[in-house]
Amino acid sequence: MDAVRVALLREVLAGTEWPRAARRFAGSLRSSVVAHGGGLLLVGTEGYEPWHLAAHLVDEAAWSGQPELAPTLVRHRVRPGDPAHLAVGLGRLEAARRGATLLLVAPERPDAGLLERVHDARRAGATVLSLDDGDPEVDALAHEVLAVRAGAEVDLDTVQHLVSAAAGENSLPPPRGRRRFRDRLSLLADHLTSPPPTGW
């Protein structure tokens, strides 16, 4: 989802909790990975692999100049011959220590094995964040939670778009009259690529 669609989505959801909640959660994610520098591990449940969120976070990491946001996608099933970025299995969670950030995306309750691994990572000092359906056991494992319960105005995929876009923002939206660096850069690019004025 590009920046224009995210802006439209935020406009549609204005007046609901979701844009603010996504920014708060994204701020926790960003401050954890940037401050600790131990890497971001992204894992889903056995039935849901958050590869789409992984791709958006990689893009946001590049655009925002915050390489720490680019996650390592941890997968339940790794096949021989998978490329390196898709060949990280659940064993990677066992190596998570202080400084690492673990983002769990769970639209349904994870199996006991994954919950145990997440719990062990937290006990070893990793910061755990969760995007989930409000499962109390999952939420109890996380330092920060954004729950999308049944009947919410949005689904978990939509919230992932809001979170990934907000994670790449350098700060909260600037007050009126101040422009972010990206806005100034965009204006400069427009100026440099526009045709010369007529009448010269």
Foldseek 3Di string as FASTA:
>chain_A
DDPVVLVVVCVVCPVDCQLVLLLVLLVVVLCLQQVLVPAEEEEEALVDFVVVLLVLQCVLCVVLVNVRSRHQGEHCDADPPDPPSRRHYPVVLLVQAASYEYEYEYQDDHDPVSLVSLQNNVVRHYAYEYEYQPDVSVVVSHPYYDHDHPPDPDDSVSSSVSNSVSNSDPDPDDDPPDDDPVVVVVVVVCVVPDDDDPDD
